[in-house]
Amino acid sequence: MKNKIVLLLFFSFFVYTLTSCTNDTEESFKLLTKVVETTNKGTSQTYLYAYNGNQIVSIDGSQDRTDFTYADGLISKMVTLNKTNQLRETTEYSYLKGKLVRVLSLGNYKINFIHNLDKTVSYERFTLDSGNEEIKEYHGILYLDNENLIKEERTYDNTPAGVDSKYSVSFDYDTKKNPLFNVLGFRELLNINDKISKNNTVISTVITSVSKEDQITSSAYLYKNSFTYDLDNYPTERVSENTVATNGNVGYLKTEYFY
């Protein structure tokens, strides 16, 4: 009888633990539905996110709207409409074995990606002129670790003769959840910088240098973010003292996240 009671207690504990873990997993999977950005001047913009399952359908803001198309579980096209001048930008994404190999913004630019054996990603970016001719703008390397983009190095190719211009940005992360990481196919979009990463950027460091006639000038900028999180470790608020907002404004920015 005693053994039966012990066995029953053990079984009950096992079922409870399994159920709790399942509920935690289900409850912790969240999709971002709204973002509100507010500057130090009090102006704000709201962006609404719509989904079909965990496939993103659109991001709708007051100034622009972006619609997404999928193919085989990967984002194949983004069409952005500027509501002010009604101009559209169409960006197409091409993949090889599930990895991004080309980004083509029709009439604007093209980026080619090569996935290296050491897990870095090399890329080249070209601008497209009115005749759709390609002009190489810059090339670089992306460094990824633990599903985070930790560094980008870039060398500009359209500089005058004798001028060497370089740019690098490195990212430091927390261990919390990126609000967009659950969006299907989003983490493959290597052209949107640290937004593809698993965690949230707390510090980014940008270094630029220009070499001309053996004279080197360089500058370094440090950008810090502070986050507030909910009980499931998703950010509910980010405060940045010196950042670039979605609308192009530079300076203080508060970002609120809703799920």
Protein backbone atom coordinates (compact mmCIF):
# COMPACT_ATOMS: atom_id res chain seq x y z
CA MET A 1 0.00 0.00 0.00
CA LYS A 2 2.83 2.35 0.94
CA ASN A 3 4.57 1.67 -2.37
CA LYS A 4 1.38 2.43 -4.30
CA ILE A 5 1.01 5.79 -2.51
CA VAL A 6 4.62 6.73 -3.31
CA LEU A 7 4.16 5.70 -6.94
CA LEU A 8 0.93 7.71 -7.19
CA LEU A 9 2.61 10.80 -5.73
CA PHE A 10 5.52 10.44 -8.14
CA PHE A 11 3.19 10.06 -11.12
CA SER A 12 1.14 13.08 -10.05
CA PHE A 13 4.31 15.16 -9.69
CA PHE A 14 5.51 14.03 -13.15
CA VAL A 15 2.20 14.97 -14.81
CA TYR A 16 2.15 18.34 -13.03
CA THR A 17 5.74 19.11 -14.09
CA LEU A 18 5.03 18.14 -17.70
CA THR A 19 1.85 20.22 -17.80
CA SER A 20 3.60 23.21 -16.23
CA CYS A 21 6.44 23.05 -18.76
CA THR A 22 3.99 22.80 -21.64
CA ASN A 23 1.98 25.77 -20.37
CA ASP A 24 5.15 27.81 -19.84
CA THR A 25 6.25 27.10 -23.40
CA GLU A 26 2.86 28.05 -24.84
CA GLU A 27 2.57 31.18 -22.73
CA SER A 28 6.10 32.34 -23.53
CA PHE A 29 5.57 32.25 -27.31
CA LYS A 30 4.46 35.76 -28.18
CA LEU A 31 4.14 37.77 -31.35
CA LEU A 32 4.60 41.52 -31.45
CA THR A 33 1.33 43.27 -32.35
CA LYS A 34 2.08 46.96 -31.78
CA VAL A 35 5.06 49.28 -31.38
CA VAL A 36 4.86 52.91 -30.21
CA GLU A 37 7.93 55.14 -30.66
CA THR A 38 8.09 58.44 -28.76
CA THR A 39 10.83 61.08 -29.11
CA ASN A 40 12.00 63.57 -26.47
CA LYS A 41 9.76 66.17 -28.17
CA GLY A 42 6.71 64.06 -27.40
CA THR A 43 5.98 63.12 -31.01
CA SER A 44 5.03 59.49 -31.46
CA GLN A 45 4.42 56.93 -34.16
CA THR A 46 2.47 53.70 -33.90
CA TYR A 47 3.11 50.55 -35.93
CA LEU A 48 0.61 47.68 -36.08
CA TYR A 49 1.75 44.13 -36.86
CA ALA A 50 -0.57 41.59 -38.50
CA TYR A 51 0.04 37.83 -38.86
CA ASN A 52 -1.19 34.64 -40.40
CA GLY A 53 -0.09 32.14 -37.77
CA ASN A 54 3.50 33.16 -37.12
CA GLN A 55 3.97 34.50 -40.66
CA ILE A 56 4.03 38.28 -40.68
CA VAL A 57 1.51 39.81 -43.10
CA SER A 58 2.06 43.54 -42.67
CA ILE A 59 3.50 46.36 -40.58
CA ASP A 60 1.26 49.40 -40.80
CA GLY A 61 2.43 52.81 -39.59
CA SER A 62 1.14 56.34 -40.00
CA GLN A 63 3.71 57.18 -42.70
CA ASP A 64 4.29 53.84 -44.40
CA ARG A 65 3.05 50.28 -44.70
CA THR A 66 5.00 47.12 -45.49
CA ASP A 67 3.37 43.95 -46.82
CA PHE A 68 5.14 40.57 -46.75
CA THR A 69 5.00 37.54 -49.04
CA TYR A 70 6.23 34.04 -48.14
CA ALA A 71 7.48 31.08 -50.16
CA ASP A 72 8.32 27.75 -48.51
CA GLY A 73 8.25 29.30 -45.04
CA LEU A 74 10.69 32.09 -45.95
CA ILE A 75 10.04 35.77 -46.62
CA SER A 76 10.32 36.20 -50.39
CA LYS A 77 9.09 39.76 -50.88
CA MET A 78 8.48 43.01 -48.99
CA VAL A 79 6.51 45.86 -50.55
CA THR A 80 6.69 49.19 -48.70
CA LEU A 81 4.30 52.02 -49.51
CA ASN A 82 5.19 55.58 -48.52
CA LYS A 83 1.78 57.03 -47.65
CA THR A 84 2.97 60.61 -48.17
CA ASN A 85 4.09 60.39 -51.79
CA GLN A 86 2.58 56.98 -52.67
CA LEU A 87 5.98 55.64 -53.77
CA ARG A 88 6.48 51.90 -53.49
CA GLU A 89 9.67 49.98 -52.83
CA THR A 90 9.73 46.28 -53.66
CA THR A 91 12.41 44.10 -52.10
CA GLU A 92 12.87 40.49 -53.17
CA TYR A 93 14.73 37.80 -51.20
CA SER A 94 16.40 34.73 -52.73
CA TYR A 95 17.64 31.67 -50.80
CA LEU A 96 19.76 28.59 -51.30
CA LYS A 97 19.09 25.66 -48.96
CA GLY A 98 17.23 27.99 -46.60
CA LYS A 99 20.00 30.61 -46.42
CA LEU A 100 19.73 34.12 -47.83
CA VAL A 101 21.92 34.64 -50.90
CA ARG A 102 20.48 37.78 -52.50
CA VAL A 103 18.46 40.86 -51.64
CA LEU A 104 17.15 42.88 -54.58
CA SER A 105 15.45 46.24 -54.05
CA LEU A 106 14.02 46.87 -57.50
CA GLY A 107 15.63 49.93 -59.04
CA ASN A 108 17.58 50.74 -55.86
CA TYR A 109 20.20 48.23 -54.74
CA LYS A 110 21.31 44.59 -54.70
CA ILE A 111 23.16 42.62 -52.00
CA ASN A 112 24.83 39.27 -52.60
CA PHE A 113 25.63 36.99 -49.62
CA ILE A 114 28.10 34.10 -49.31
CA HIS A 115 27.86 31.82 -46.25
CA ASN A 116 31.37 30.78 -45.25
CA LEU A 117 32.53 27.56 -43.57
CA ASP A 118 33.60 29.50 -40.44
CA LYS A 119 29.95 30.65 -40.01
CA THR A 120 30.69 34.22 -41.10
CA VAL A 121 28.76 35.73 -44.00
CA SER A 122 30.50 37.77 -46.70
CA TYR A 123 28.48 40.24 -48.74
CA GLU A 124 28.68 42.83 -51.51
CA ARG A 125 26.25 45.69 -51.98
CA PHE A 126 25.61 47.37 -55.34
CA THR A 127 23.52 50.43 -56.13
CA LEU A 128 21.44 50.33 -59.31
CA ASP A 129 21.45 53.42 -61.52
CA SER A 130 18.66 54.58 -63.85
CA GLY A 131 19.80 52.10 -66.49
CA ASN A 132 19.85 49.29 -63.90
CA GLU A 133 23.64 49.17 -64.11
CA GLU A 134 25.35 47.88 -60.97
CA ILE A 135 27.78 50.16 -59.09
CA LYS A 136 29.64 48.47 -56.25
CA GLU A 137 29.07 50.51 -53.09
CA TYR A 138 30.76 48.45 -50.38
CA HIS A 139 31.60 44.92 -49.24
CA GLY A 140 31.91 43.37 -45.81
CA ILE A 141 31.60 40.47 -43.38
CA LEU A 142 28.89 39.59 -40.85
CA TYR A 143 29.89 37.72 -37.68
CA LEU A 144 27.23 35.66 -35.89
CA ASP A 145 27.35 33.82 -32.58
CA ASN A 146 24.61 32.04 -30.62
CA GLU A 147 21.98 33.28 -33.11
CA ASN A 148 23.06 36.90 -32.61
CA LEU A 149 24.75 39.23 -35.07
CA ILE A 150 27.75 40.34 -33.02
CA LYS A 151 29.71 42.37 -35.56
CA GLU A 152 29.68 43.81 -39.07
CA GLU A 153 32.79 45.02 -40.89
CA ARG A 154 32.44 47.09 -44.05
CA THR A 155 34.85 48.55 -46.63
CA TYR A 156 33.59 51.19 -49.07
CA ASP A 157 34.41 50.70 -52.74
CA ASN A 158 33.10 53.95 -54.25
CA THR A 159 35.72 56.22 -52.66
CA PRO A 160 38.21 58.44 -54.57
CA ALA A 161 41.59 57.00 -55.55
CA GLY A 162 43.95 56.77 -52.59
CA VAL A 163 41.15 56.88 -50.01
CA ASP A 164 40.37 53.86 -47.83
CA SER A 165 37.12 54.14 -45.89
CA LYS A 166 35.99 51.52 -43.37
CA TYR A 167 33.05 51.06 -41.00
CA SER A 168 32.39 48.53 -38.26
CA VAL A 169 29.64 48.04 -35.71
CA SER A 170 29.65 45.56 -32.83
CA PHE A 171 26.72 44.53 -30.66
CA ASP A 172 26.46 43.45 -27.01
CA TYR A 173 23.31 41.60 -25.98
CA ASP A 174 21.31 40.66 -22.93
CA THR A 175 19.86 37.16 -22.51
CA LYS A 176 16.22 38.17 -22.97
CA LYS A 177 13.89 37.59 -25.93
CA ASN A 178 13.92 39.71 -29.07
CA PRO A 179 10.26 40.71 -29.73
CA LEU A 180 10.57 39.72 -33.43
CA PHE A 181 12.45 36.46 -33.03
CA ASN A 182 9.29 34.30 -33.20
CA VAL A 183 8.30 35.72 -36.60
CA LEU A 184 8.77 32.96 -39.16
CA GLY A 185 11.63 33.66 -41.58
CA PHE A 186 12.61 36.96 -39.96
CA ARG A 187 15.94 35.74 -38.60
CA GLU A 188 17.15 34.96 -42.15
CA LEU A 189 16.91 38.61 -43.26
CA LEU A 190 20.59 39.48 -42.91
CA ASN A 191 20.13 42.96 -44.38
CA ILE A 192 18.22 44.32 -41.38
CA ASN A 193 21.14 44.26 -38.98
CA ASP A 194 20.74 43.26 -35.29
CA LYS A 195 16.92 43.06 -35.54
CA ILE A 196 17.36 39.44 -36.66
CA SER A 197 19.12 38.43 -33.45
CA LYS A 198 17.80 36.16 -30.72
CA ASN A 199 18.40 38.66 -27.90
CA ASN A 200 18.24 42.43 -27.43
CA THR A 201 21.06 44.88 -28.10
CA VAL A 202 22.06 46.76 -24.95
CA ILE A 203 25.20 48.37 -26.40
CA SER A 204 26.31 48.95 -29.98
CA THR A 205 29.66 50.47 -30.90
CA VAL A 206 30.21 52.13 -34.28
CA ILE A 207 33.73 52.84 -35.51
CA THR A 208 34.54 54.62 -38.76
CA SER A 209 37.95 55.35 -40.24
CA VAL A 210 39.23 57.10 -43.35
CA SER A 211 42.78 56.80 -44.64
CA LYS A 212 44.11 59.33 -47.17
CA GLU A 213 47.75 59.96 -48.04
CA ASP A 214 48.91 58.10 -44.90
CA GLN A 215 46.65 60.26 -42.74
CA ILE A 216 44.03 58.35 -40.76
CA THR A 217 41.00 59.90 -39.14
CA SER A 218 38.67 57.80 -37.04
CA SER A 219 35.69 58.14 -34.75
CA ALA A 220 33.85 55.88 -32.35
CA TYR A 221 30.29 56.17 -31.04
CA LEU A 222 28.64 54.20 -28.26
CA TYR A 223 24.87 53.64 -28.27
CA LYS A 224 23.15 52.30 -25.14
CA ASN A 225 19.68 50.86 -24.64
CA SER A 226 17.86 50.08 -21.40
CA PHE A 227 14.97 47.62 -21.35
CA THR A 228 11.98 46.77 -19.19
CA TYR A 229 10.67 43.19 -19.43
CA ASP A 230 7.51 41.26 -18.66
CA LEU A 231 7.41 38.00 -16.68
CA ASP A 232 8.17 35.97 -19.84
CA ASN A 233 11.34 38.01 -20.55
CA TYR A 234 9.90 39.86 -23.54
CA PRO A 235 10.70 43.59 -23.66
CA THR A 236 7.83 45.95 -22.93
CA GLU A 237 9.90 49.13 -23.19
CA ARG A 238 13.24 50.26 -24.56
CA VAL A 239 14.82 53.63 -23.84
CA SER A 240 17.67 54.89 -26.02
CA GLU A 241 19.42 58.18 -25.41
CA ASN A 242 21.06 58.39 -28.83
CA THR A 243 19.60 56.24 -31.55
CA VAL A 244 18.00 56.48 -34.98
CA ALA A 245 14.23 56.02 -34.92
CA THR A 246 12.21 54.30 -37.65
CA ASN A 247 11.17 57.72 -38.91
CA GLY A 248 14.80 58.86 -39.21
CA ASN A 249 14.95 61.10 -36.15
CA VAL A 250 18.15 60.89 -34.10
CA GLY A 251 18.31 61.25 -30.31
CA TYR A 252 16.25 60.08 -27.34
CA LEU A 253 13.70 57.44 -28.20
CA LYS A 254 11.28 55.42 -26.10
CA THR A 255 9.90 52.30 -27.71
CA GLU A 256 6.92 50.46 -26.24
CA TYR A 257 6.16 46.86 -27.25
CA PHE A 258 2.75 45.17 -27.14
CA TYR A 259 1.94 41.46 -27.73
